[in-house]
């Protein structure tokens, strides 16, 4: 067979340069991914090191050398796997029981690494890297499948622990008739928290839904569709999704009375540059 050139691999969805990089990795050579992050000798595990990143921030001299070294070590620490079990009735109770069983099993293999989050209702954190969870011989394959399947079913919400905090700041402020604006809402994990918190507020007739509303705004229409997809399992009449620029969100008016609607609370978790997550 003839020698395959770069165009062949581009047609297959692999950049020619990417193919040659992976060949070098198989031979134990140092290589870099498309974003400049270094990969190990197998080419499949990032070491979270970038010469361009180091050079740029060392030039800025933002911190003393020792403090900067500790900061970079923190930034290069893989994020834990964290999730919430949403409050959706009987199915949620079954998933909670499954999560408890996995907690017991994983704690035997990795003591202390599967923790309940004390500040989030039905929130969990597993301090193991994702490659470990996905490894077929790690004994955790069934747990990884549990996360994927229940996430697709909408009973479980994969969400970084730090992402759970903003909505909690409003927990003591909401009432059953509160109007809440989530101004940068996609992909919807924090909006889901707001809906649950609104539904937990005491109301005159518990058999009826709350009188309040969560307006979930997202500028990008495709991301707004993703938002609706992730929140559809709530089946909530208290959700409105809009697609508008957050910095110029329009005033809202009551259609019957013409009265201007004032929001009782707003959550604004703006997009970041993605340079660092803590």
C-alpha atoms as a PDB file:
ATOM      1  CA  UNK A   1       0.000   0.000   0.000  1.00  0.00           C
ATOM      2  CA  UNK A   2       1.132   3.525  -0.696  1.00  0.00           C
ATOM      3  CA  UNK A   3       2.361   5.855   1.986  1.00  0.00           C
ATOM      4  CA  UNK A   4      -0.447   7.939   3.525  1.00  0.00           C
ATOM      5  CA  UNK A   5       0.158  11.689   3.417  1.00  0.00           C
ATOM      6  CA  UNK A   6      -1.224  14.474   5.593  1.00  0.00           C
ATOM      7  CA  UNK A   7      -4.315  14.965   3.385  1.00  0.00           C
ATOM      8  CA  UNK A   8      -5.430  11.384   4.078  1.00  0.00           C
ATOM      9  CA  UNK A   9      -5.491  11.975   7.810  1.00  0.00           C
ATOM     10  CA  UNK A  10      -7.231  15.331   7.392  1.00  0.00           C
ATOM     11  CA  UNK A  11     -10.010  13.564   5.467  1.00  0.00           C
ATOM     12  CA  UNK A  12     -10.251  11.081   8.338  1.00  0.00           C
ATOM     13  CA  UNK A  13     -10.663  13.899  10.828  1.00  0.00           C
ATOM     14  CA  UNK A  14      -7.040  13.720  11.982  1.00  0.00           C
ATOM     15  CA  UNK A  15      -4.747  16.595  11.174  1.00  0.00           C
ATOM     16  CA  UNK A  16      -1.591  15.427   9.447  1.00  0.00           C
ATOM     17  CA  UNK A  17       0.499  17.122  12.113  1.00  0.00           C
ATOM     18  CA  UNK A  18      -1.626  15.507  14.807  1.00  0.00           C
ATOM     19  CA  UNK A  19      -0.958  12.067  13.295  1.00  0.00           C
ATOM     20  CA  UNK A  20       2.792  12.617  13.258  1.00  0.00           C
ATOM     21  CA  UNK A  21       2.646  13.890  16.845  1.00  0.00           C
ATOM     22  CA  UNK A  22       0.927  10.706  17.969  1.00  0.00           C
ATOM     23  CA  UNK A  23       3.563   8.646  16.158  1.00  0.00           C
ATOM     24  CA  UNK A  24       6.249  10.508  18.064  1.00  0.00           C
ATOM     25  CA  UNK A  25       4.394   9.885  21.307  1.00  0.00           C
ATOM     26  CA  UNK A  26       4.310   6.138  20.640  1.00  0.00           C
ATOM     27  CA  UNK A  27       8.062   6.247  20.266  1.00  0.00           C
ATOM     28  CA  UNK A  28       8.439   7.961  23.643  1.00  0.00           C
ATOM     29  CA  UNK A  29       9.164  11.398  22.221  1.00  0.00           C
ATOM     30  CA  UNK A  30       7.925  14.576  23.872  1.00  0.00           C
ATOM     31  CA  UNK A  31       4.943  16.074  22.040  1.00  0.00           C
ATOM     32  CA  UNK A  32       2.395  18.789  22.537  1.00  0.00           C
ATOM     33  CA  UNK A  33      -1.338  18.893  21.976  1.00  0.00           C
ATOM     34  CA  UNK A  34      -3.041  21.495  19.768  1.00  0.00           C
ATOM     35  CA  UNK A  35      -3.372  23.903  22.701  1.00  0.00           C
ATOM     36  CA  UNK A  36       0.301  23.674  23.611  1.00  0.00           C
ATOM     37  CA  UNK A  37      -0.176  21.427  26.664  1.00  0.00           C
ATOM     38  CA  UNK A  38       2.445  18.713  27.004  1.00  0.00           C
ATOM     39  CA  UNK A  39       1.371  15.068  26.840  1.00  0.00           C
ATOM     40  CA  UNK A  40       3.105  12.061  28.339  1.00  0.00           C
ATOM     41  CA  UNK A  41       4.979   9.465  26.305  1.00  0.00           C
ATOM     42  CA  UNK A  42       1.753   7.651  25.417  1.00  0.00           C
ATOM     43  CA  UNK A  43       0.226  10.837  24.058  1.00  0.00           C
ATOM     44  CA  UNK A  44      -3.029  10.413  25.954  1.00  0.00           C
ATOM     45  CA  UNK A  45      -2.481  11.983  29.357  1.00  0.00           C
ATOM     46  CA  UNK A  46      -1.922  15.750  29.695  1.00  0.00           C
ATOM     47  CA  UNK A  47       0.677  16.849  32.209  1.00  0.00           C
ATOM     48  CA  UNK A  48      -0.908  20.323  32.372  1.00  0.00           C
ATOM     49  CA  UNK A  49       2.284  22.101  31.469  1.00  0.00           C
ATOM     50  CA  UNK A  50       2.642  24.762  28.786  1.00  0.00           C
ATOM     51  CA  UNK A  51       5.829  26.674  28.060  1.00  0.00           C
ATOM     52  CA  UNK A  52       3.830  29.582  26.620  1.00  0.00           C
ATOM     53  CA  UNK A  53       1.700  29.792  29.777  1.00  0.00           C
ATOM     54  CA  UNK A  54       4.743  29.726  32.060  1.00  0.00           C
ATOM     55  CA  UNK A  55       6.662  32.278  30.020  1.00  0.00           C
ATOM     56  CA  UNK A  56       3.741  34.721  29.835  1.00  0.00           C
ATOM     57  CA  UNK A  57       2.866  34.705  33.537  1.00  0.00           C
ATOM     58  CA  UNK A  58       6.470  34.651  34.708  1.00  0.00           C
ATOM     59  CA  UNK A  59       6.961  37.831  32.696  1.00  0.00           C
ATOM     60  CA  UNK A  60       4.002  39.456  34.470  1.00  0.00           C
ATOM     61  CA  UNK A  61       5.610  38.863  37.904  1.00  0.00           C
ATOM     62  CA  UNK A  62       2.197  38.820  39.578  1.00  0.00           C
ATOM     63  CA  UNK A  63       3.418  36.991  42.681  1.00  0.00           C
ATOM     64  CA  UNK A  64       6.698  36.218  44.440  1.00  0.00           C
ATOM     65  CA  UNK A  65       8.323  33.082  42.934  1.00  0.00           C
ATOM     66  CA  UNK A  66       7.407  30.747  45.817  1.00  0.00           C
ATOM     67  CA  UNK A  67       3.766  31.866  45.869  1.00  0.00           C
ATOM     68  CA  UNK A  68       3.533  31.567  42.092  1.00  0.00           C
ATOM     69  CA  UNK A  69       4.942  28.035  42.256  1.00  0.00           C
ATOM     70  CA  UNK A  70       2.232  27.013  44.746  1.00  0.00           C
ATOM     71  CA  UNK A  71      -0.426  28.708  42.608  1.00  0.00           C
ATOM     72  CA  UNK A  72       0.633  26.811  39.487  1.00  0.00           C
ATOM     73  CA  UNK A  73       0.686  23.507  41.400  1.00  0.00           C
ATOM     74  CA  UNK A  74      -2.897  24.201  42.468  1.00  0.00           C
ATOM     75  CA  UNK A  75      -3.968  25.080  38.919  1.00  0.00           C
ATOM     76  CA  UNK A  76      -2.468  21.841  37.596  1.00  0.00           C
ATOM     77  CA  UNK A  77      -4.306  19.668  40.099  1.00  0.00           C
ATOM     78  CA  UNK A  78      -7.038  17.694  38.266  1.00  0.00           C
ATOM     79  CA  UNK A  79     -10.568  18.653  39.271  1.00  0.00           C
ATOM     80  CA  UNK A  80     -12.536  16.049  41.240  1.00  0.00           C
ATOM     81  CA  UNK A  81     -15.702  14.493  39.869  1.00  0.00           C
ATOM     82  CA  UNK A  82     -18.722  16.090  41.518  1.00  0.00           C
ATOM     83  CA  UNK A  83     -22.464  15.787  41.011  1.00  0.00           C
ATOM     84  CA  UNK A  84     -25.887  16.431  42.512  1.00  0.00           C
ATOM     85  CA  UNK A  85     -28.905  14.149  42.600  1.00  0.00           C
ATOM     86  CA  UNK A  86     -31.840  16.311  41.589  1.00  0.00           C
ATOM     87  CA  UNK A  87     -35.126  16.324  43.472  1.00  0.00           C
ATOM     88  CA  UNK A  88     -37.426  14.637  40.954  1.00  0.00           C
ATOM     89  CA  UNK A  89     -39.446  12.246  43.097  1.00  0.00           C
ATOM     90  CA  UNK A  90     -39.220   8.452  43.243  1.00  0.00           C
ATOM     91  CA  UNK A  91     -36.513   8.121  40.581  1.00  0.00           C
ATOM     92  CA  UNK A  92     -34.274  10.458  42.562  1.00  0.00           C
ATOM     93  CA  UNK A  93     -34.674   8.367  45.713  1.00  0.00           C
ATOM     94  CA  UNK A  94     -33.553   5.267  43.802  1.00  0.00           C
ATOM     95  CA  UNK A  95     -30.498   7.095  42.433  1.00  0.00           C
ATOM     96  CA  UNK A  96     -29.624   8.357  45.929  1.00  0.00           C
ATOM     97  CA  UNK A  97     -29.612   4.765  47.189  1.00  0.00           C
ATOM     98  CA  UNK A  98     -27.361   3.755  44.289  1.00  0.00           C
ATOM     99  CA  UNK A  99     -24.992   6.635  45.062  1.00  0.00           C
ATOM    100  CA  UNK A 100     -24.775   5.482  48.699  1.00  0.00           C
ATOM    101  CA  UNK A 101     -23.878   1.946  47.594  1.00  0.00           C
ATOM    102  CA  UNK A 102     -21.174   3.236  45.259  1.00  0.00           C
ATOM    103  CA  UNK A 103     -19.861   5.403  48.084  1.00  0.00           C
ATOM    104  CA  UNK A 104     -19.447   2.319  50.279  1.00  0.00           C
ATOM    105  CA  UNK A 105     -17.778   0.290  47.505  1.00  0.00           C
ATOM    106  CA  UNK A 106     -15.392   3.019  46.353  1.00  0.00           C
ATOM    107  CA  UNK A 107     -14.454   3.907  49.933  1.00  0.00           C
ATOM    108  CA  UNK A 108     -13.102   0.374  50.321  1.00  0.00           C
ATOM    109  CA  UNK A 109     -10.843   0.820  47.279  1.00  0.00           C
ATOM    110  CA  UNK A 110     -10.015   4.492  47.877  1.00  0.00           C
ATOM    111  CA  UNK A 111     -10.719   5.445  51.521  1.00  0.00           C
ATOM    112  CA  UNK A 112     -11.948   8.987  52.029  1.00  0.00           C
ATOM    113  CA  UNK A 113     -12.111   9.823  48.322  1.00  0.00           C
ATOM    114  CA  UNK A 114     -15.928   9.644  47.912  1.00  0.00           C
ATOM    115  CA  UNK A 115     -17.406  12.420  50.020  1.00  0.00           C
ATOM    116  CA  UNK A 116     -20.805  13.957  50.585  1.00  0.00           C
ATOM    117  CA  UNK A 117     -20.782  17.733  50.211  1.00  0.00           C
ATOM    118  CA  UNK A 118     -22.082  19.138  53.515  1.00  0.00           C
ATOM    119  CA  UNK A 119     -23.226  22.447  52.020  1.00  0.00           C
ATOM    120  CA  UNK A 120     -25.184  21.043  49.044  1.00  0.00           C
ATOM    121  CA  UNK A 121     -28.269  18.877  49.313  1.00  0.00           C
ATOM    122  CA  UNK A 122     -27.552  15.443  47.808  1.00  0.00           C
ATOM    123  CA  UNK A 123     -24.192  16.627  46.488  1.00  0.00           C
ATOM    124  CA  UNK A 124     -21.156  14.348  46.174  1.00  0.00           C
ATOM    125  CA  UNK A 125     -17.496  14.704  45.281  1.00  0.00           C
ATOM    126  CA  UNK A 126     -15.133  11.930  44.191  1.00  0.00           C
ATOM    127  CA  UNK A 127     -11.486  12.936  44.475  1.00  0.00           C
ATOM    128  CA  UNK A 128     -10.270  10.709  41.676  1.00  0.00           C
ATOM    129  CA  UNK A 129      -9.195  11.844  38.189  1.00  0.00           C
ATOM    130  CA  UNK A 130     -11.540  11.052  35.323  1.00  0.00           C
ATOM    131  CA  UNK A 131      -9.039   8.727  33.592  1.00  0.00           C
ATOM    132  CA  UNK A 132      -9.093   6.562  36.738  1.00  0.00           C
ATOM    133  CA  UNK A 133     -12.894   6.415  36.708  1.00  0.00           C
ATOM    134  CA  UNK A 134     -12.900   5.419  33.044  1.00  0.00           C
ATOM    135  CA  UNK A 135     -10.129   2.822  33.261  1.00  0.00           C
ATOM    136  CA  UNK A 136     -11.629  -0.652  32.561  1.00  0.00           C
ATOM    137  CA  UNK A 137      -9.463  -2.372  35.210  1.00  0.00           C
ATOM    138  CA  UNK A 138      -9.901   0.200  37.974  1.00  0.00           C
ATOM    139  CA  UNK A 139     -13.008  -1.428  39.459  1.00  0.00           C
ATOM    140  CA  UNK A 140     -14.888   1.832  38.895  1.00  0.00           C
ATOM    141  CA  UNK A 141     -16.327   1.191  35.448  1.00  0.00           C
ATOM    142  CA  UNK A 142     -19.854   0.578  36.773  1.00  0.00           C
ATOM    143  CA  UNK A 143     -19.733   3.859  38.710  1.00  0.00           C
ATOM    144  CA  UNK A 144     -18.677   5.760  35.591  1.00  0.00           C
ATOM    145  CA  UNK A 145     -21.538   4.142  33.666  1.00  0.00           C
ATOM    146  CA  UNK A 146     -23.878   5.150  36.500  1.00  0.00           C
ATOM    147  CA  UNK A 147     -22.795   8.794  36.149  1.00  0.00           C
ATOM    148  CA  UNK A 148     -23.254   8.755  32.378  1.00  0.00           C
ATOM    149  CA  UNK A 149     -26.611   6.948  32.337  1.00  0.00           C
ATOM    150  CA  UNK A 150     -28.245   8.890  35.163  1.00  0.00           C
ATOM    151  CA  UNK A 151     -26.894  12.135  33.735  1.00  0.00           C
ATOM    152  CA  UNK A 152     -28.541  11.361  30.405  1.00  0.00           C
ATOM    153  CA  UNK A 153     -31.752  10.440  32.214  1.00  0.00           C
ATOM    154  CA  UNK A 154     -31.729  13.849  33.895  1.00  0.00           C
ATOM    155  CA  UNK A 155     -31.808  12.549  37.465  1.00  0.00           C
ATOM    156  CA  UNK A 156     -28.186  13.383  38.144  1.00  0.00           C
ATOM    157  CA  UNK A 157     -26.472  16.698  37.362  1.00  0.00           C
ATOM    158  CA  UNK A 158     -22.725  16.656  36.728  1.00  0.00           C
ATOM    159  CA  UNK A 159     -21.523  19.950  38.166  1.00  0.00           C
ATOM    160  CA  UNK A 160     -18.212  21.238  39.504  1.00  0.00           C
ATOM    161  CA  UNK A 161     -18.287  21.824  43.246  1.00  0.00           C
ATOM    162  CA  UNK A 162     -17.355  25.483  42.859  1.00  0.00           C
ATOM    163  CA  UNK A 163     -20.257  25.888  40.410  1.00  0.00           C
ATOM    164  CA  UNK A 164     -22.712  24.866  43.135  1.00  0.00           C
ATOM    165  CA  UNK A 165     -21.832  27.825  45.378  1.00  0.00           C
ATOM    166  CA  UNK A 166     -23.343  30.884  43.586  1.00  0.00           C
ATOM    167  CA  UNK A 167     -26.943  29.675  43.772  1.00  0.00           C
ATOM    168  CA  UNK A 168     -26.530  28.803  47.458  1.00  0.00           C
ATOM    169  CA  UNK A 169     -25.884  32.483  48.193  1.00  0.00           C
ATOM    170  CA  UNK A 170     -29.562  33.114  47.355  1.00  0.00           C
ATOM    171  CA  UNK A 171     -30.969  30.206  49.351  1.00  0.00           C
ATOM    172  CA  UNK A 172     -32.071  32.237  52.372  1.00  0.00           C
ATOM    173  CA  UNK A 173     -33.439  35.059  50.222  1.00  0.00           C
ATOM    174  CA  UNK A 174     -35.958  33.212  48.065  1.00  0.00           C
ATOM    175  CA  UNK A 175     -39.664  32.856  48.752  1.00  0.00           C
ATOM    176  CA  UNK A 176     -42.250  30.846  46.857  1.00  0.00           C
ATOM    177  CA  UNK A 177     -43.307  33.918  44.851  1.00  0.00           C
ATOM    178  CA  UNK A 178     -39.808  35.232  44.097  1.00  0.00           C
ATOM    179  CA  UNK A 179     -38.862  36.275  40.567  1.00  0.00           C
ATOM    180  CA  UNK A 180     -35.266  35.253  39.854  1.00  0.00           C
ATOM    181  CA  UNK A 181     -33.125  36.156  36.847  1.00  0.00           C
ATOM    182  CA  UNK A 182     -30.258  33.820  35.943  1.00  0.00           C
ATOM    183  CA  UNK A 183     -28.612  36.060  33.400  1.00  0.00           C
ATOM    184  CA  UNK A 184     -25.837  33.757  32.063  1.00  0.00           C
ATOM    185  CA  UNK A 185     -27.519  30.433  32.596  1.00  0.00           C
ATOM    186  CA  UNK A 186     -26.213  27.793  30.168  1.00  0.00           C
ATOM    187  CA  UNK A 187     -25.581  24.936  30.515  1.00  0.00           C
ATOM    188  CA  UNK A 188     -28.183  25.044  33.305  1.00  0.00           C
ATOM    189  CA  UNK A 189     -26.756  23.437  36.425  1.00  0.00           C
ATOM    190  CA  UNK A 190     -27.195  26.573  38.556  1.00  0.00           C
ATOM    191  CA  UNK A 191     -30.634  27.209  37.030  1.00  0.00           C
ATOM    192  CA  UNK A 192     -31.571  23.702  38.130  1.00  0.00           C
ATOM    193  CA  UNK A 193     -30.535  24.594  41.680  1.00  0.00           C
ATOM    194  CA  UNK A 194     -32.658  27.756  41.606  1.00  0.00           C
ATOM    195  CA  UNK A 195     -35.723  25.809  40.455  1.00  0.00           C
ATOM    196  CA  UNK A 196     -35.248  23.273  43.241  1.00  0.00           C
ATOM    197  CA  UNK A 197     -34.774  26.010  45.846  1.00  0.00           C
ATOM    198  CA  UNK A 198     -37.919  27.804  44.664  1.00  0.00           C
ATOM    199  CA  UNK A 199     -39.894  24.573  44.826  1.00  0.00           C
ATOM    200  CA  UNK A 200     -38.675  23.930  48.396  1.00  0.00           C
ATOM    201  CA  UNK A 201     -39.999  27.272  49.683  1.00  0.00           C
ATOM    202  CA  UNK A 202     -43.101  26.999  51.941  1.00  0.00           C
ATOM    203  CA  UNK A 203     -46.336  27.929  50.149  1.00  0.00           C
ATOM    204  CA  UNK A 204     -50.035  28.114  51.093  1.00  0.00           C
ATOM    205  CA  UNK A 205     -50.988  25.051  49.063  1.00  0.00           C
ATOM    206  CA  UNK A 206     -48.143  22.502  48.771  1.00  0.00           C
ATOM    207  CA  UNK A 207     -50.094  20.611  46.099  1.00  0.00           C
ATOM    208  CA  UNK A 208     -49.719  23.569  43.725  1.00  0.00           C
ATOM    209  CA  UNK A 209     -46.501  24.863  42.143  1.00  0.00           C
ATOM    210  CA  UNK A 210     -44.829  28.009  43.504  1.00  0.00           C
ATOM    211  CA  UNK A 211     -46.054  31.384  42.297  1.00  0.00           C
ATOM    212  CA  UNK A 212     -42.537  32.577  41.510  1.00  0.00           C
ATOM    213  CA  UNK A 213     -40.455  32.170  38.391  1.00  0.00           C
ATOM    214  CA  UNK A 214     -36.884  31.611  37.233  1.00  0.00           C
ATOM    215  CA  UNK A 215     -35.967  33.419  34.011  1.00  0.00           C
ATOM    216  CA  UNK A 216     -32.948  31.668  32.493  1.00  0.00           C
ATOM    217  CA  UNK A 217     -31.205  33.873  29.954  1.00  0.00           C
ATOM    218  CA  UNK A 218     -28.526  32.766  27.497  1.00  0.00           C
ATOM    219  CA  UNK A 219     -27.091  34.882  24.693  1.00  0.00           C
ATOM    220  CA  UNK A 220     -26.161  32.035  22.324  1.00  0.00           C
ATOM    221  CA  UNK A 221     -29.263  30.349  20.892  1.00  0.00           C
ATOM    222  CA  UNK A 222     -27.601  26.924  20.536  1.00  0.00           C
ATOM    223  CA  UNK A 223     -26.592  27.027  24.189  1.00  0.00           C
ATOM    224  CA  UNK A 224     -30.147  28.065  25.080  1.00  0.00           C
ATOM    225  CA  UNK A 225     -31.348  24.872  23.368  1.00  0.00           C
ATOM    226  CA  UNK A 226     -28.831  22.909  25.458  1.00  0.00           C
ATOM    227  CA  UNK A 227     -30.187  24.661  28.539  1.00  0.00           C
ATOM    228  CA  UNK A 228     -33.748  23.581  27.737  1.00  0.00           C
ATOM    229  CA  UNK A 229     -32.563  20.042  27.035  1.00  0.00           C
ATOM    230  CA  UNK A 230     -30.855  19.777  30.430  1.00  0.00           C
ATOM    231  CA  UNK A 231     -33.783  21.271  32.360  1.00  0.00           C
ATOM    232  CA  UNK A 232     -36.639  19.475  30.624  1.00  0.00           C
ATOM    233  CA  UNK A 233     -36.735  16.760  33.293  1.00  0.00           C
ATOM    234  CA  UNK A 234     -37.837  19.321  35.882  1.00  0.00           C
ATOM    235  CA  UNK A 235     -41.093  19.681  33.939  1.00  0.00           C
ATOM    236  CA  UNK A 236     -41.438  23.009  35.740  1.00  0.00           C
ATOM    237  CA  UNK A 237     -44.089  25.651  34.950  1.00  0.00           C
ATOM    238  CA  UNK A 238     -41.865  28.135  36.809  1.00  0.00           C
ATOM    239  CA  UNK A 239     -39.173  28.313  34.122  1.00  0.00           C
ATOM    240  CA  UNK A 240     -38.852  30.804  31.274  1.00  0.00           C
ATOM    241  CA  UNK A 241     -35.878  30.663  28.885  1.00  0.00           C
ATOM    242  CA  UNK A 242     -34.765  33.764  26.979  1.00  0.00           C
ATOM    243  CA  UNK A 243     -31.920  34.483  24.550  1.00  0.00           C
ATOM    244  CA  UNK A 244     -30.625  38.024  24.950  1.00  0.00           C
ATOM    245  CA  UNK A 245     -27.421  39.917  25.669  1.00  0.00           C
ATOM    246  CA  UNK A 246     -27.118  39.903  29.450  1.00  0.00           C
ATOM    247  CA  UNK A 247     -25.586  43.378  29.676  1.00  0.00           C
ATOM    248  CA  UNK A 248     -28.620  44.818  27.875  1.00  0.00           C
ATOM    249  CA  UNK A 249     -31.400  42.606  29.199  1.00  0.00           C
ATOM    250  CA  UNK A 250     -34.700  44.390  28.444  1.00  0.00           C
ATOM    251  CA  UNK A 251     -37.278  45.510  30.978  1.00  0.00           C
ATOM    252  CA  UNK A 252     -40.220  43.142  31.410  1.00  0.00           C
ATOM    253  CA  UNK A 253     -43.846  44.169  31.839  1.00  0.00           C
ATOM    254  CA  UNK A 254     -47.006  42.444  33.034  1.00  0.00           C
ATOM    255  CA  UNK A 255     -49.130  41.788  29.951  1.00  0.00           C
ATOM    256  CA  UNK A 256     -52.416  42.321  31.806  1.00  0.00           C
ATOM    257  CA  UNK A 257     -51.622  45.434  33.840  1.00  0.00           C
ATOM    258  CA  UNK A 258     -48.646  46.947  32.032  1.00  0.00           C
ATOM    259  CA  UNK A 259     -46.787  47.080  35.342  1.00  0.00           C
ATOM    260  CA  UNK A 260     -43.008  46.841  35.123  1.00  0.00           C
ATOM    261  CA  UNK A 261     -41.744  43.572  36.573  1.00  0.00           C
ATOM    262  CA  UNK A 262     -38.936  43.847  39.107  1.00  0.00           C
ATOM    263  CA  UNK A 263     -36.792  40.805  39.875  1.00  0.00           C
ATOM    264  CA  UNK A 264     -36.287  39.867  43.516  1.00  0.00           C
ATOM    265  CA  UNK A 265     -32.888  38.265  42.891  1.00  0.00           C
ATOM    266  CA  UNK A 266     -30.375  37.878  40.097  1.00  0.00           C
ATOM    267  CA  UNK A 267     -27.572  35.401  39.567  1.00  0.00           C
ATOM    268  CA  UNK A 268     -24.820  36.398  37.155  1.00  0.00           C
ATOM    269  CA  UNK A 269     -22.057  33.835  36.710  1.00  0.00           C
ATOM    270  CA  UNK A 270     -20.319  35.421  33.734  1.00  0.00           C
ATOM    271  CA  UNK A 271     -18.135  33.504  31.334  1.00  0.00           C
ATOM    272  CA  UNK A 272     -14.404  33.423  32.045  1.00  0.00           C
ATOM    273  CA  UNK A 273     -11.333  33.335  29.834  1.00  0.00           C
ATOM    274  CA  UNK A 274     -10.777  29.735  30.884  1.00  0.00           C
ATOM    275  CA  UNK A 275      -7.210  30.402  32.013  1.00  0.00           C
ATOM    276  CA  UNK A 276      -7.742  28.958  35.454  1.00  0.00           C
ATOM    277  CA  UNK A 277     -10.398  27.259  37.533  1.00  0.00           C
ATOM    278  CA  UNK A 278     -10.172  27.054  41.310  1.00  0.00           C
END
